[in-house]
Protein backbone atom coordinates (compact mmCIF):
# COMPACT_ATOMS: atom_id res chain seq x y z
CA MET A 1 -14.75 -134.89 21.94
CA GLY A 2 -15.94 -137.50 24.43
CA LYS A 3 -18.94 -135.34 25.31
CA LEU A 4 -19.89 -135.07 21.66
CA VAL A 5 -19.72 -138.86 21.32
CA THR A 6 -21.88 -139.24 24.44
CA LEU A 7 -24.38 -136.73 23.03
CA TRP A 8 -24.52 -138.58 19.69
CA GLU A 9 -24.93 -142.00 21.34
CA GLY A 10 -27.82 -140.67 23.41
CA SER A 11 -29.61 -139.14 20.43
CA GLY A 12 -32.72 -140.56 18.79
CA LEU A 13 -31.00 -140.96 15.43
CA TYR A 14 -28.25 -143.14 16.89
CA ASN A 15 -30.75 -145.37 18.70
CA LEU A 16 -33.43 -145.42 15.98
CA GLU A 17 -34.39 -148.97 15.04
CA LEU A 18 -36.07 -150.09 11.82
CA GLY A 19 -39.31 -150.93 13.60
CA GLN A 20 -39.50 -147.50 15.22
CA ALA A 21 -38.82 -145.78 11.90
CA THR A 22 -41.57 -147.87 10.30
CA MET A 23 -44.08 -146.94 12.99
CA ILE A 24 -43.20 -143.25 12.67
CA LEU A 25 -44.08 -143.60 8.98
CA VAL A 26 -47.32 -145.34 9.97
CA GLY A 27 -48.12 -142.39 12.24
CA LEU A 28 -47.43 -139.98 9.39
CA LEU A 29 -49.69 -142.07 7.13
CA LEU A 30 -52.52 -141.84 9.66
CA LEU A 31 -52.06 -138.06 9.80
CA TYR A 32 -52.15 -137.91 5.99
CA LEU A 33 -55.39 -139.93 5.86
CA ALA A 34 -56.93 -137.73 8.56
CA ILE A 35 -55.84 -134.33 7.24
CA TYR A 36 -55.97 -134.75 3.47
CA LYS A 37 -58.47 -137.59 3.04
CA LYS A 38 -60.71 -136.55 5.98
CA PHE A 39 -60.76 -140.15 7.34
CA GLU A 40 -62.08 -139.85 10.92
CA PRO A 41 -59.80 -136.83 11.59
CA LEU A 42 -61.03 -136.28 15.16
CA LEU A 43 -59.47 -139.59 16.20
CA LEU A 44 -56.81 -140.34 13.61
CA VAL A 45 -54.99 -137.02 14.14
CA PRO A 46 -54.29 -137.65 17.87
CA ILE A 47 -53.78 -141.39 17.28
CA GLY A 48 -51.24 -140.75 14.51
CA PHE A 49 -49.42 -138.08 16.50
CA GLY A 50 -49.42 -140.29 19.58
CA GLY A 51 -47.96 -143.13 17.51
CA ILE A 52 -45.09 -140.89 16.43
CA LEU A 53 -44.41 -139.80 20.01
CA ALA A 54 -44.51 -143.41 21.25
CA ASN A 55 -41.75 -144.45 18.83
CA ILE A 56 -39.23 -141.67 19.46
CA PRO A 57 -36.09 -143.54 20.59
CA GLU A 58 -34.87 -143.02 24.15
CA ALA A 59 -37.82 -140.73 25.02
CA GLY A 60 -39.81 -143.45 26.80
CA LEU A 61 -43.05 -141.49 26.47
CA ALA A 62 -45.29 -144.56 26.22
CA ILE A 63 -43.74 -146.88 28.80
CA SER A 64 -43.60 -147.10 32.59
CA ALA A 65 -40.70 -146.11 34.82
CA LEU A 66 -39.88 -149.79 35.29
CA ASP A 67 -39.72 -150.49 31.56
CA GLN A 68 -37.60 -147.39 30.98
CA ALA A 69 -35.13 -148.55 33.60
CA ILE A 70 -35.01 -152.04 32.09
CA GLU A 71 -34.29 -150.56 28.64
CA VAL A 72 -31.53 -148.08 29.51
CA ALA A 73 -30.37 -148.46 33.14
CA LYS A 74 -26.84 -149.47 34.05
CA PRO A 75 -26.05 -153.09 34.93
CA ALA A 76 -25.90 -152.32 38.66
CA VAL A 77 -29.51 -151.05 38.58
CA LEU A 78 -30.56 -154.09 36.57
CA GLN A 79 -29.14 -156.35 39.26
CA GLN A 80 -31.07 -154.49 41.98
CA MET A 81 -34.31 -154.83 40.02
CA ALA A 82 -33.62 -158.51 39.38
CA ALA A 83 -33.28 -159.08 43.11
CA ALA A 84 -36.58 -157.27 43.71
CA LEU A 85 -38.26 -159.45 41.07
CA GLY A 86 -36.83 -162.60 42.63
CA ALA A 87 -34.76 -163.37 39.54
CA THR A 88 -31.14 -164.35 39.06
CA LEU A 89 -29.23 -162.88 36.12
CA ASP A 90 -26.70 -164.98 34.24
CA PRO A 91 -23.30 -163.40 35.02
CA LEU A 92 -21.93 -164.67 31.68
CA ALA A 93 -24.69 -162.98 29.62
CA ASN A 94 -24.46 -159.43 28.29
CA ALA A 95 -26.62 -156.47 29.35
CA GLU A 96 -29.04 -156.92 26.44
CA ALA A 97 -29.80 -160.49 27.52
CA TRP A 98 -30.37 -159.22 31.05
CA ARG A 99 -32.83 -156.61 29.75
CA GLU A 100 -34.79 -159.19 27.76
CA SER A 101 -34.95 -161.52 30.75
CA LEU A 102 -36.09 -158.78 33.13
CA HIS A 103 -38.73 -157.54 30.69
CA ALA A 104 -40.20 -161.04 30.39
CA ILE A 105 -40.19 -161.57 34.16
CA ALA A 106 -41.69 -158.15 34.95
CA HIS A 107 -44.59 -158.65 32.53
CA ASP A 108 -45.29 -162.35 32.91
CA GLY A 109 -43.64 -164.12 35.80
CA ALA A 110 -43.42 -161.73 38.76
CA ALA A 111 -45.93 -161.19 41.55
CA PRO A 112 -47.54 -157.73 41.87
CA ASP A 113 -45.63 -156.87 45.04
CA GLN A 114 -42.35 -157.79 43.33
CA VAL A 115 -43.18 -155.57 40.35
CA ARG A 116 -43.98 -152.69 42.72
CA ALA A 117 -40.66 -153.17 44.49
CA ALA A 118 -38.76 -153.13 41.16
CA ARG A 119 -40.68 -150.01 40.09
CA ASP A 120 -39.72 -148.28 43.34
CA ILE A 121 -36.07 -148.96 42.55
CA ALA A 122 -36.53 -147.49 39.04
CA VAL A 123 -38.21 -144.38 40.44
CA GLY A 124 -35.53 -144.09 43.11
CA VAL A 125 -32.75 -143.82 40.52
CA GLY A 126 -34.57 -141.14 38.54
CA TYR A 127 -36.90 -142.84 36.07
CA SER A 128 -40.56 -141.86 35.76
CA ASP A 129 -43.66 -142.99 33.89
CA GLY A 130 -43.89 -141.58 30.37
CA MET A 131 -46.45 -138.91 29.46
CA LEU A 132 -48.43 -141.17 27.11
CA TYR A 133 -48.25 -144.01 29.61
CA ASN A 134 -49.96 -141.80 32.18
CA PHE A 135 -52.59 -140.75 29.66
CA TYR A 136 -53.31 -144.40 28.91
CA LYS A 137 -53.44 -145.38 32.58
CA VAL A 138 -55.93 -142.63 33.42
CA ALA A 139 -58.04 -142.58 30.25
CA ILE A 140 -58.18 -146.20 29.10
CA GLY A 141 -56.68 -148.26 31.91
CA SER A 142 -59.45 -146.97 34.18
CA GLY A 143 -62.05 -147.32 31.40
CA ILE A 144 -63.25 -143.75 31.87
CA ALA A 145 -62.54 -142.25 28.43
CA PRO A 146 -64.69 -144.60 26.29
CA LEU A 147 -67.51 -144.23 28.80
CA ILE A 148 -67.43 -140.43 28.70
CA ILE A 149 -67.40 -140.54 24.90
CA PHE A 150 -70.41 -142.84 25.00
CA MET A 151 -72.15 -140.27 27.19
CA GLY A 152 -71.39 -137.58 24.62
CA VAL A 153 -72.65 -139.78 21.79
CA GLY A 154 -75.85 -140.35 23.76
CA ALA A 155 -76.27 -136.59 24.17
CA MET A 156 -76.00 -136.20 20.38
CA THR A 157 -78.38 -139.09 19.55
CA ASP A 158 -82.03 -138.74 18.60
CA PHE A 159 -84.01 -141.92 19.32
CA GLY A 160 -86.99 -140.48 17.43
CA PRO A 161 -86.55 -142.51 14.20
CA LEU A 162 -86.17 -145.74 16.21
CA LEU A 163 -89.23 -145.01 18.36
CA ALA A 164 -91.27 -144.05 15.28
CA ASN A 165 -90.42 -147.37 13.61
CA PRO A 166 -89.47 -149.92 16.31
CA ARG A 167 -89.07 -152.67 13.70
CA THR A 168 -85.69 -151.19 12.78
CA LEU A 169 -84.38 -152.46 16.11
CA PHE A 170 -84.16 -155.91 14.46
CA LEU A 171 -81.96 -154.46 11.71
CA GLY A 172 -79.54 -153.05 14.27
CA ALA A 173 -79.50 -156.40 16.07
CA ALA A 174 -78.89 -158.34 12.83
CA ALA A 175 -75.90 -156.18 11.94
CA GLN A 176 -74.17 -157.35 15.13
CA PHE A 177 -73.89 -160.81 13.56
CA GLY A 178 -70.56 -159.63 12.16
CA ILE A 179 -69.18 -159.43 15.70
CA PHE A 180 -69.87 -163.05 16.56
CA ALA A 181 -68.99 -164.35 13.09
CA THR A 182 -65.57 -162.73 13.41
CA LEU A 183 -65.12 -164.16 16.90
CA PHE A 184 -65.62 -167.66 15.49
CA GLY A 185 -63.41 -166.77 12.51
CA ALA A 186 -60.53 -165.77 14.79
CA VAL A 187 -60.95 -168.96 16.80
CA ALA A 188 -60.96 -170.99 13.57
CA LEU A 189 -57.76 -169.32 12.32
CA THR A 190 -56.11 -170.13 15.63
CA SER A 191 -57.25 -173.77 15.55
CA MET A 192 -55.81 -174.10 12.03
CA GLY A 193 -52.48 -172.72 13.21
CA ILE A 194 -52.64 -169.66 10.93
CA MET A 195 -52.94 -167.17 13.80
CA ASP A 196 -52.41 -167.34 17.53
CA PHE A 197 -55.34 -165.55 19.17
CA SER A 198 -56.70 -166.41 22.60
CA LEU A 199 -60.47 -166.46 23.06
CA ASN A 200 -60.31 -163.06 24.79
CA GLN A 201 -58.33 -161.61 21.89
CA ALA A 202 -60.76 -163.10 19.36
CA ALA A 203 -63.69 -161.48 21.19
CA ALA A 204 -61.97 -158.08 21.26
CA ILE A 205 -61.25 -158.33 17.53
CA GLY A 206 -64.84 -159.30 16.78
CA ILE A 207 -66.18 -156.04 18.27
CA ILE A 208 -64.63 -154.23 15.28
CA GLY A 209 -67.60 -155.60 13.31
CA GLY A 210 -69.91 -153.30 15.26
CA ALA A 211 -68.14 -150.28 13.71
CA ASP A 212 -68.17 -148.58 17.10
CA GLY A 213 -64.81 -147.09 18.07
CA PRO A 214 -65.41 -146.40 21.79
CA THR A 215 -66.92 -149.86 22.28
CA SER A 216 -63.95 -151.49 20.51
CA ILE A 217 -61.53 -149.60 22.75
CA TYR A 218 -63.49 -150.39 25.91
CA VAL A 219 -63.74 -154.13 25.19
CA SER A 220 -60.12 -154.50 24.08
CA SER A 221 -58.92 -152.62 27.19
CA VAL A 222 -60.77 -155.20 29.31
CA LEU A 223 -60.14 -158.39 27.33
CA ALA A 224 -56.96 -157.82 25.28
CA PRO A 225 -55.10 -154.58 26.13
CA GLU A 226 -52.05 -155.81 24.22
CA LEU A 227 -54.04 -155.58 20.97
CA LEU A 228 -55.68 -152.23 21.70
CA GLY A 229 -53.60 -150.20 19.24
CA ALA A 230 -54.27 -152.45 16.25
CA ILE A 231 -57.97 -152.88 17.13
CA ALA A 232 -58.54 -149.14 17.57
CA VAL A 233 -56.79 -148.25 14.32
CA ALA A 234 -58.75 -150.93 12.45
CA ALA A 235 -62.08 -149.84 13.98
CA TYR A 236 -61.68 -146.16 13.17
CA ALA A 237 -60.10 -146.78 9.76
CA TYR A 238 -63.02 -148.97 8.68
CA MET A 239 -65.53 -146.49 10.11
CA ALA A 240 -63.94 -143.85 7.90
CA LEU A 241 -64.12 -146.21 4.91
CA VAL A 242 -67.87 -146.86 5.27
CA PRO A 243 -68.61 -144.98 1.99
CA LEU A 244 -66.21 -147.32 0.17
CA ILE A 245 -66.89 -150.65 1.91
CA GLN A 246 -70.68 -150.70 2.20
CA PRO A 247 -72.10 -149.65 -1.22
CA PRO A 248 -70.74 -152.65 -3.21
CA ILE A 249 -72.21 -155.06 -0.62
CA MET A 250 -75.53 -153.22 -0.62
CA ARG A 251 -75.81 -153.29 -4.41
CA LEU A 252 -74.77 -156.95 -4.58
CA LEU A 253 -77.52 -158.08 -2.18
CA THR A 254 -80.38 -155.93 -3.49
CA THR A 255 -82.18 -155.47 -6.80
CA ASP A 256 -82.81 -152.07 -8.34
CA LYS A 257 -86.51 -152.51 -7.57
CA GLU A 258 -85.75 -153.13 -3.89
CA ARG A 259 -83.50 -150.07 -3.72
CA GLN A 260 -86.39 -147.95 -5.04
CA ILE A 261 -88.79 -148.96 -2.26
CA LYS A 262 -90.35 -145.88 -0.67
CA MET A 263 -91.03 -146.02 3.04
CA THR A 264 -93.97 -144.32 4.72
CA GLN A 265 -93.54 -141.06 6.59
CA LEU A 266 -92.37 -141.51 10.17
CA ARG A 267 -94.90 -140.62 12.87
CA PRO A 268 -94.19 -137.78 15.30
CA VAL A 269 -92.59 -138.93 18.56
CA SER A 270 -93.66 -137.20 21.77
CA LYS A 271 -91.25 -135.75 24.33
CA LEU A 272 -92.57 -138.17 26.95
CA GLU A 273 -91.56 -141.13 24.77
CA LYS A 274 -88.08 -139.70 24.26
CA VAL A 275 -87.60 -139.12 28.00
CA VAL A 276 -88.94 -142.52 29.08
CA PHE A 277 -87.10 -144.60 26.46
CA PRO A 278 -83.49 -144.22 27.75
CA LEU A 279 -84.71 -144.98 31.28
CA MET A 280 -86.57 -148.11 30.16
CA LEU A 281 -83.63 -149.21 28.02
CA LEU A 282 -81.19 -148.86 30.89
CA ILE A 283 -83.40 -150.67 33.41
CA LEU A 284 -84.16 -153.57 31.06
CA VAL A 285 -80.57 -154.08 29.94
CA ALA A 286 -79.14 -153.64 33.44
CA LEU A 287 -81.53 -156.27 34.80
CA PHE A 288 -80.75 -158.85 32.12
CA LEU A 289 -77.11 -158.01 31.33
CA PRO A 290 -75.38 -155.99 34.07
CA ASP A 291 -72.02 -156.15 32.23
CA ALA A 292 -73.46 -153.88 29.52
CA ALA A 293 -74.58 -151.34 32.12
CA PRO A 294 -71.41 -149.15 32.02
CA LEU A 295 -71.59 -148.48 28.27
CA LEU A 296 -75.36 -148.32 27.94
CA GLY A 297 -75.70 -146.48 31.25
CA MET A 298 -73.52 -143.59 30.09
CA PHE A 299 -75.17 -143.65 26.65
CA CYS A 300 -78.66 -143.43 28.17
CA PHE A 301 -77.57 -140.78 30.68
CA GLY A 302 -76.27 -138.58 27.86
CA ASN A 303 -79.50 -139.07 25.93
CA LEU A 304 -81.62 -138.27 28.97
CA MET A 305 -79.75 -134.99 29.43
CA ARG A 306 -80.56 -134.16 25.81
CA GLU A 307 -84.24 -135.02 25.93
CA CYS A 308 -85.33 -133.90 29.41
CA GLY A 309 -84.87 -130.23 28.49
CA VAL A 310 -83.86 -129.00 31.94
CA VAL A 311 -80.06 -129.44 31.82
CA GLU A 312 -79.15 -127.78 28.53
CA ARG A 313 -75.77 -126.68 29.88
CA LEU A 314 -74.83 -130.23 30.86
CA SER A 315 -76.09 -131.61 27.55
CA ASP A 316 -74.14 -128.98 25.62
CA THR A 317 -70.97 -129.74 27.61
CA ALA A 318 -71.32 -133.49 27.01
CA GLN A 319 -71.86 -132.92 23.27
CA ASN A 320 -69.04 -130.44 22.75
CA SER A 321 -66.26 -129.42 25.13
CA LEU A 322 -66.15 -132.56 27.30
CA ILE A 323 -66.23 -135.07 24.47
CA ASN A 324 -63.62 -133.04 22.56
CA ILE A 325 -61.21 -132.97 25.52
CA VAL A 326 -61.61 -136.69 26.16
CA THR A 327 -61.23 -137.46 22.44
CA ILE A 328 -57.81 -135.78 22.44
CA ILE A 329 -56.61 -137.75 25.47
CA LEU A 330 -58.16 -140.98 24.17
CA GLY A 331 -56.50 -140.60 20.77
CA LEU A 332 -53.06 -139.97 22.28
CA SER A 333 -53.58 -142.92 24.64
CA VAL A 334 -54.41 -145.24 21.75
CA GLY A 335 -51.39 -143.89 19.89
CA SER A 336 -49.21 -144.93 22.82
CA LYS A 337 -50.03 -148.55 21.93
CA LEU A 338 -48.63 -148.20 18.41
CA MET A 339 -45.15 -149.17 19.52
CA ALA A 340 -43.11 -151.16 17.05
CA ASP A 341 -42.60 -154.25 19.21
CA SER A 342 -46.34 -154.77 19.75
CA PHE A 343 -47.81 -153.43 16.47
CA LEU A 344 -45.46 -154.79 13.80
CA THR A 345 -46.55 -158.40 14.11
CA PHE A 346 -48.28 -160.94 11.89
CA GLU A 347 -51.26 -160.80 14.25
CA THR A 348 -51.82 -157.14 13.34
CA LEU A 349 -52.40 -158.14 9.72
CA GLY A 350 -54.86 -160.74 10.97
CA ILE A 351 -56.70 -158.10 13.00
CA LEU A 352 -56.96 -155.78 9.99
CA GLY A 353 -58.18 -158.63 7.78
CA LEU A 354 -60.70 -159.93 10.30
CA GLY A 355 -61.91 -156.39 10.95
CA ILE A 356 -62.92 -155.74 7.37
CA VAL A 357 -64.56 -159.19 7.17
CA ALA A 358 -66.54 -158.37 10.33
CA PHE A 359 -67.62 -155.07 8.86
CA GLY A 360 -68.73 -156.70 5.63
CA ILE A 361 -70.66 -159.47 7.40
CA GLY A 362 -72.42 -156.94 9.64
CA THR A 363 -73.47 -154.88 6.61
CA ALA A 364 -74.71 -157.95 4.73
CA ALA A 365 -76.61 -159.29 7.76
CA GLY A 366 -78.50 -156.02 8.16
CA VAL A 367 -79.51 -155.94 4.49
CA LEU A 368 -80.59 -159.60 4.50
CA MET A 369 -82.63 -159.09 7.68
CA ALA A 370 -84.53 -156.24 6.00
CA LYS A 371 -85.27 -158.50 3.02
CA LEU A 372 -86.47 -161.24 5.37
CA MET A 373 -88.73 -158.81 7.21
CA ASN A 374 -90.28 -157.76 3.90
CA LEU A 375 -91.52 -161.34 3.45
CA VAL A 376 -93.68 -161.11 6.58
CA SER A 377 -94.41 -157.38 6.81
CA LYS A 378 -97.27 -155.48 5.18
CA MET A 379 -95.32 -152.22 5.30
CA PRO A 380 -92.24 -152.59 3.04
CA ILE A 381 -88.75 -151.78 4.27
CA ASN A 382 -86.06 -150.59 1.89
CA PRO A 383 -83.27 -153.18 2.44
CA LEU A 384 -80.63 -150.47 2.11
CA ILE A 385 -81.40 -149.14 5.59
CA GLY A 386 -80.39 -152.54 7.01
CA ALA A 387 -76.78 -151.66 6.19
CA ALA A 388 -77.09 -148.75 8.62
CA GLY A 389 -77.40 -151.29 11.44
CA VAL A 390 -73.65 -151.07 11.98
CA SER A 391 -73.19 -148.33 14.55
CA ALA A 392 -71.08 -145.90 12.50
CA VAL A 393 -73.37 -142.96 13.35
CA PRO A 394 -74.40 -141.14 11.20
CA MET A 395 -72.08 -142.16 8.36
CA ALA A 396 -73.79 -145.50 7.65
CA ALA A 397 -77.22 -143.82 7.50
CA ARG A 398 -75.90 -141.25 5.02
CA VAL A 399 -74.45 -143.99 2.85
CA ALA A 400 -77.79 -145.84 2.79
CA ASN A 401 -79.52 -142.61 1.79
CA LYS A 402 -76.96 -141.92 -0.96
CA VAL A 403 -77.26 -145.39 -2.50
CA GLY A 404 -81.05 -145.11 -2.39
CA LEU A 405 -80.98 -141.77 -4.21
CA GLU A 406 -78.95 -143.36 -6.99
CA SER A 407 -81.91 -145.62 -7.83
CA ASN A 408 -84.63 -143.07 -7.08
CA PRO A 409 -83.66 -139.37 -6.81
CA HIS A 410 -86.87 -138.66 -4.87
CA ASN A 411 -86.44 -141.42 -2.27
CA PHE A 412 -84.93 -139.92 0.89
CA LEU A 413 -84.01 -142.66 3.37
CA LEU A 414 -81.84 -140.74 5.83
CA MET A 415 -84.32 -140.49 8.72
CA HIS A 416 -85.50 -144.07 8.16
CA ALA A 417 -81.88 -145.27 8.22
CA MET A 418 -81.19 -143.46 11.49
CA GLY A 419 -83.47 -145.98 13.26
CA PRO A 420 -81.25 -149.03 12.63
CA ASN A 421 -78.18 -146.83 12.96
CA VAL A 422 -79.08 -145.91 16.54
CA ALA A 423 -80.21 -149.50 17.19
CA GLY A 424 -76.73 -150.60 16.11
CA VAL A 425 -75.16 -148.52 18.88
CA ILE A 426 -77.38 -150.28 21.40
CA GLY A 427 -76.66 -153.67 19.81
CA SER A 428 -72.87 -153.25 19.88
CA ALA A 429 -73.01 -152.23 23.56
CA VAL A 430 -75.09 -155.30 24.36
CA ALA A 431 -72.70 -157.52 22.38
CA ALA A 432 -69.80 -156.00 24.32
CA GLY A 433 -71.59 -156.81 27.57
CA VAL A 434 -72.04 -160.42 26.48
CA MET A 435 -68.33 -160.73 25.64
CA ILE A 436 -67.25 -159.23 28.95
CA LYS A 437 -69.76 -161.34 30.86
CA TYR A 438 -68.36 -164.63 29.62
CA LEU A 439 -64.71 -163.76 29.09
CA GLY A 440 -63.90 -160.77 31.32
């Protein structure tokens, strides 16, 4: 009978807390949105599944060996780890109070060598890093996964529409206004006492406005890793909701006559231009903003493989098998950050709210920039393509084309909208470099 009691007390059901149950439901909701609603399924399926795994009680899949030991080890082990961390445990307090104290010291107050010594004790008594924790450490902690995905995106990107109509670069730049507006919004909410975001956290949240998932993950992993789960979920959720979020803003800011504007046929772009452009882009950006070089460097490298025509196998690998493998690991790694204690906070609601505001401001800024350019340009620009300046490729361009067809069934804007869409990818990477430069 005693063994049965021990088995029951060690089960997930016995140790399941309300927060963990809630996050398991959140994971199931993400899977529902991905599978049945087709909302960014390539990312939301692994993120949702990873979120469920991270919240299974007693499994410790998303935490380090040290944290596992702090959560479940016997009091004698806790005392050894406390000595390694240079802490003294209150002999009158219970084990739960000891665990809370050790967790706070290990993550905030201890020196790196002390943390390593405590981890060695945890490993010595049989604890090990969780599977998802290792995924996160390798894929996101090192920064490699977002960069490889950026390389794959570069290999799938055609700069032709941007090169054929370079003016659209301004539309992509204007759409990044949402990033900086949200940064100031987060700072303002903190100054008013509504939220409690540091400047680094505000910058990481602002990147959501670029509608670029890999960039959001990369910046948050550098500036605010504690918010990575909420930021990644918000970024990919709003990217999936582009067809719902953007059209009302586009219609509000344009007249029916503006939406009917026909743009001239794009000129052919030579192979030489397509090969030289990623090299020029990399050199110029790297010289002026070296902190953007990792993201833009991998993006340009992927594009060069596509356009040079001599490494088809490498280009095909970057576009397909490699990016698919890394997407799986990246999604599970992000899911590991959907743990109840870090996700179920008031700040998460603030991140989701600020994210949609950032997205809306970026869309509006792109449309208004196109209208402004029409005042000084002889060749008219359909303002709808300005909304494609957010870097949700190619979803935002398709939405601009769809809204344009509603006003004029013969007005196809897709290729025109791809110019600002691609420019938005460049703009969000540059914005990320600026954030990291000043706050990293």
